[in-house]
Amino acid sequence: MSTDYSPDGEVAQQIAAVIPYYPYKGIPRFYDINGFLVRPDIFQLVIDVLVKRYADLEIDSIGGFDARGFVLGAPLALALKKPFFMIRKPGKQPNAITSGAYQVEYGARAGVSIPRGHPLSKDDPLKLSSVVKKGDRVLLVDDLCATGGTLAAGIELVHSLGARVVENACIVELKMFTDPPAESGLPSRKKLFESKGIADVPVWSLISEEILTLVGELPGGYADDGEEH
């Protein structure tokens, strides 16, 4: 079995081969990680890649974005013996601290939230989190990075608590949004991160859209039923 865990390398190509795309939420190519979740052998490869990358990185906790980041971040945290926390949509978890609103590639979002945890912080029980603490080094995980709006909101929230995001890990990265030419009209993740003062926070991805070529099969009469969540 290959141990080439490099971006778009041999293992990445094995994983990409089972990730279909569909028209969804008005997006022509929505990449569906259910393709590898239903394959324990391939899902294990995904976790193996993440474990290999982060086993020697100094981190205190791992945060997973709602909701596919939960699926990836939790088994990674278990493998690395690190605490895991959920970064959720507002109103989805109790006793939480919430970021400001932000934009993503298919609409607006009200923000993201991190739990305060129990017991409350003795330093400031009304504002701070005992889950993400001052001085912590945090790894954030999601399935896909596109325009970076959700990542930016998560980074800013973690930093507001006095912690530091050391890296954002995602399985798929849409590189057309990384730093597109101004004339393209596409949003730029690079410019977004620069405008928020978080340009020094790296984004690492395993798979680019160039190797995602599996067209998902659709039944006759299929209609794009994607809803805003």
Protein backbone atom coordinates (compact mmCIF):
# COMPACT_ATOMS: atom_id res chain seq x y z
CA MET A 1 0.00 0.00 0.00
CA SER A 2 1.29 3.45 -0.95
CA THR A 3 2.51 5.86 1.71
CA ASP A 4 2.65 8.81 -0.68
CA TYR A 5 0.51 11.18 1.38
CA SER A 6 1.46 14.31 -0.54
CA PRO A 7 -1.23 16.67 -1.89
CA ASP A 8 -2.66 15.24 -5.13
CA GLY A 9 -0.25 12.31 -4.72
CA GLU A 10 -0.96 8.60 -5.06
CA VAL A 11 -3.09 8.22 -1.92
CA ALA A 12 -4.90 11.50 -2.64
CA GLN A 13 -5.79 10.12 -6.08
CA GLN A 14 -7.17 6.93 -4.53
CA ILE A 15 -9.42 9.03 -2.30
CA ALA A 16 -10.42 11.43 -5.10
CA ALA A 17 -11.47 8.50 -7.27
CA VAL A 18 -14.45 7.80 -4.97
CA ILE A 19 -15.59 11.40 -4.37
CA PRO A 20 -18.43 12.21 -6.80
CA TYR A 21 -19.70 15.66 -7.63
CA TYR A 22 -23.28 16.80 -8.22
CA PRO A 23 -25.10 20.00 -9.15
CA TYR A 24 -26.21 21.29 -5.74
CA LYS A 25 -27.20 24.63 -4.21
CA GLY A 26 -26.73 26.16 -7.64
CA ILE A 27 -23.10 25.00 -7.76
CA PRO A 28 -22.27 22.82 -10.81
CA ARG A 29 -19.72 20.69 -8.93
CA PHE A 30 -20.52 20.04 -5.27
CA TYR A 31 -18.04 17.43 -4.01
CA ASP A 32 -19.63 14.77 -1.81
CA ILE A 33 -17.41 13.13 0.83
CA ASN A 34 -20.05 10.46 1.36
CA GLY A 35 -18.11 8.79 -1.44
CA PHE A 36 -15.32 7.84 0.95
CA LEU A 37 -17.36 7.70 4.17
CA VAL A 38 -19.14 4.59 2.85
CA ARG A 39 -15.77 2.97 2.10
CA PRO A 40 -14.06 2.11 5.40
CA ASP A 41 -10.80 1.35 3.62
CA ILE A 42 -10.72 4.78 1.95
CA PHE A 43 -12.02 6.63 5.01
CA GLN A 44 -9.17 5.05 6.98
CA LEU A 45 -6.71 6.37 4.38
CA VAL A 46 -8.08 9.90 4.90
CA ILE A 47 -7.54 9.67 8.66
CA ASP A 48 -4.11 8.07 8.18
CA VAL A 49 -3.03 11.03 6.04
CA LEU A 50 -4.19 13.54 8.65
CA VAL A 51 -2.57 11.61 11.51
CA LYS A 52 0.72 11.44 9.61
CA ARG A 53 0.69 15.19 8.98
CA TYR A 54 -0.20 16.28 12.51
CA ALA A 55 1.35 13.61 14.75
CA ASP A 56 4.43 15.72 15.42
CA LEU A 57 2.81 19.17 15.36
CA GLU A 58 2.42 20.85 18.74
CA ILE A 59 -1.34 21.28 19.16
CA ASP A 60 -3.55 21.48 22.24
CA SER A 61 -6.95 20.82 20.65
CA ILE A 62 -8.76 20.18 17.38
CA GLY A 63 -11.88 22.01 16.22
CA GLY A 64 -14.19 20.60 13.54
CA PHE A 65 -16.54 22.77 11.47
CA ASP A 66 -20.25 22.03 11.29
CA ALA A 67 -20.93 19.48 10.08
CA ARG A 68 -18.53 17.46 7.95
CA GLY A 69 -15.59 18.69 9.98
CA PHE A 70 -17.06 16.70 12.90
CA VAL A 71 -16.75 13.49 10.87
CA LEU A 72 -13.07 14.13 10.15
CA GLY A 73 -11.91 15.99 13.23
CA ALA A 74 -13.25 13.59 15.86
CA PRO A 75 -11.41 10.44 14.68
CA LEU A 76 -8.27 12.53 14.13
CA ALA A 77 -8.48 13.85 17.69
CA LEU A 78 -8.92 10.33 19.05
CA ALA A 79 -5.92 9.09 17.09
CA LEU A 80 -3.76 11.96 18.35
CA LYS A 81 -5.21 11.83 21.88
CA LYS A 82 -6.23 15.50 21.71
CA PRO A 83 -9.43 17.23 22.91
CA PHE A 84 -12.01 17.82 20.18
CA PHE A 85 -14.59 20.60 20.04
CA MET A 86 -17.37 21.44 17.61
CA ILE A 87 -17.55 24.73 15.72
CA ARG A 88 -21.28 25.00 15.13
CA LYS A 89 -23.85 27.26 13.58
CA PRO A 90 -25.36 29.75 16.06
CA GLY A 91 -28.16 28.30 18.17
CA LYS A 92 -27.01 24.70 17.75
CA GLN A 93 -25.18 24.25 21.06
CA PRO A 94 -25.71 25.67 24.55
CA ASN A 95 -23.42 28.04 26.44
CA ALA A 96 -21.53 29.09 23.32
CA ILE A 97 -19.51 32.08 22.13
CA THR A 98 -20.45 33.24 18.62
CA SER A 99 -18.56 35.07 15.89
CA GLY A 100 -19.90 37.75 13.57
CA ALA A 101 -21.73 37.04 10.30
CA TYR A 102 -19.83 36.18 7.12
CA GLN A 103 -20.25 35.22 3.46
CA VAL A 104 -19.64 31.88 1.74
CA GLU A 105 -19.76 30.91 -1.94
CA TYR A 106 -23.50 30.21 -1.86
CA GLY A 107 -24.89 32.75 0.59
CA ALA A 108 -24.60 34.51 3.93
CA ARG A 109 -24.04 32.89 7.32
CA ALA A 110 -24.95 34.19 10.76
CA GLY A 111 -21.63 33.15 12.32
CA VAL A 112 -19.98 30.19 14.04
CA SER A 113 -19.90 29.27 17.70
CA ILE A 114 -17.51 27.56 20.11
CA PRO A 115 -18.64 26.08 23.45
CA ARG A 116 -17.63 27.83 26.66
CA GLY A 117 -17.44 24.41 28.28
CA HIS A 118 -17.73 23.30 31.88
CA PRO A 119 -16.53 24.41 34.32
CA LEU A 120 -16.50 28.05 33.21
CA SER A 121 -13.26 29.98 33.01
CA LYS A 122 -12.32 31.33 36.42
CA ASP A 123 -10.72 34.36 34.73
CA ASP A 124 -13.91 35.56 33.05
CA PRO A 125 -16.85 33.12 33.25
CA LEU A 126 -19.12 35.30 31.08
CA LYS A 127 -16.86 35.56 28.03
CA LEU A 128 -14.02 33.07 27.92
CA SER A 129 -14.01 29.38 27.08
CA SER A 130 -12.52 26.58 29.12
CA VAL A 131 -12.48 24.51 25.91
CA VAL A 132 -10.35 26.93 23.88
CA LYS A 133 -8.01 28.67 26.30
CA LYS A 134 -5.54 31.52 26.14
CA GLY A 135 -2.24 30.31 24.70
CA ASP A 136 -3.70 27.13 23.14
CA ARG A 137 -2.45 25.98 19.75
CA VAL A 138 -5.50 24.87 17.77
CA LEU A 139 -5.91 22.84 14.57
CA LEU A 140 -9.12 23.46 12.60
CA VAL A 141 -10.58 20.77 10.31
CA ASP A 142 -13.19 20.81 7.55
CA ASP A 143 -13.96 18.75 4.49
CA LEU A 144 -13.56 21.52 1.92
CA CYS A 145 -12.12 25.00 1.63
CA ALA A 146 -13.49 27.34 -1.04
CA THR A 147 -13.77 31.09 -0.48
CA GLY A 148 -12.57 30.73 3.12
CA GLY A 149 -15.42 32.60 4.79
CA THR A 150 -16.18 29.85 7.29
CA LEU A 151 -12.49 29.26 8.03
CA ALA A 152 -11.91 32.96 8.60
CA ALA A 153 -14.82 33.18 11.03
CA GLY A 154 -13.48 30.19 12.97
CA ILE A 155 -9.94 31.56 13.05
CA GLU A 156 -11.08 34.96 14.28
CA LEU A 157 -13.21 33.39 17.01
CA VAL A 158 -10.36 31.18 18.22
CA HIS A 159 -7.98 34.16 18.21
CA SER A 160 -10.50 36.30 20.13
CA LEU A 161 -10.23 33.76 22.96
CA GLY A 162 -6.46 34.22 23.16
CA ALA A 163 -5.61 30.96 21.38
CA ARG A 164 -3.79 30.52 18.08
CA VAL A 165 -4.82 28.55 14.98
CA VAL A 166 -1.68 26.78 13.78
CA GLU A 167 -3.24 25.38 10.60
CA ASN A 168 -6.52 24.71 8.80
CA ALA A 169 -6.77 21.19 7.38
CA CYS A 170 -9.22 20.26 4.65
CA ILE A 171 -9.57 17.29 2.35
CA VAL A 172 -10.58 19.26 -0.76
CA GLU A 173 -9.46 22.76 -1.70
CA LEU A 174 -10.95 24.76 -4.56
CA LYS A 175 -7.81 26.57 -5.60
CA MET A 176 -9.64 28.86 -8.03
CA PHE A 177 -10.61 30.89 -4.94
CA THR A 178 -7.12 31.06 -3.41
CA ASP A 179 -5.86 34.13 -5.27
CA PRO A 180 -7.81 34.62 -8.51
CA PRO A 181 -7.08 37.49 -10.93
CA ALA A 182 -9.11 40.61 -10.16
CA GLU A 183 -10.76 40.48 -13.58
CA SER A 184 -12.16 37.00 -12.85
CA GLY A 185 -14.76 38.41 -10.47
CA LEU A 186 -14.14 35.50 -8.11
CA PRO A 187 -13.73 36.09 -4.37
CA SER A 188 -10.14 35.82 -3.15
CA ARG A 189 -9.35 33.87 0.02
CA LYS A 190 -5.90 35.46 0.11
CA LYS A 191 -7.37 38.96 0.15
CA LEU A 192 -10.02 37.96 2.70
CA PHE A 193 -7.39 36.59 5.09
CA GLU A 194 -5.20 39.65 4.57
CA SER A 195 -8.09 42.00 5.29
CA LYS A 196 -8.74 40.19 8.58
CA GLY A 197 -5.11 40.04 9.65
CA ILE A 198 -4.95 36.24 9.49
CA ALA A 199 -2.83 35.80 6.35
CA ASP A 200 -0.18 34.00 8.40
CA VAL A 201 -2.54 31.11 9.20
CA PRO A 202 -1.84 28.32 6.67
CA VAL A 203 -4.43 26.22 4.87
CA TRP A 204 -3.37 22.67 4.03
CA SER A 205 -5.35 20.45 1.66
CA LEU A 206 -4.96 16.93 0.34
CA ILE A 207 -6.96 17.09 -2.90
CA SER A 208 -7.45 19.81 -5.51
CA GLU A 209 -10.36 19.97 -7.93
CA GLU A 210 -8.00 19.04 -10.78
CA ILE A 211 -8.09 15.37 -9.76
CA LEU A 212 -11.80 15.24 -8.82
CA THR A 213 -13.36 13.88 -11.99
CA LEU A 214 -16.04 11.44 -10.80
CA VAL A 215 -19.45 12.56 -12.09
CA GLY A 216 -22.15 11.48 -9.63
CA GLU A 217 -24.97 9.40 -11.05
CA LEU A 218 -28.39 11.04 -10.85
CA PRO A 219 -31.87 9.59 -11.36
CA GLY A 220 -34.11 10.83 -14.14
CA GLY A 221 -35.95 14.00 -13.25
CA TYR A 222 -33.43 15.01 -10.58
CA ALA A 223 -33.82 18.57 -9.37
CA ASP A 224 -31.25 20.51 -7.34
CA ASP A 225 -32.84 20.37 -3.88
CA GLY A 226 -30.05 22.11 -2.00
CA GLU A 227 -31.27 24.40 0.74
CA GLU A 228 -29.61 27.13 2.76
CA HIS A 229 -28.61 25.71 6.16
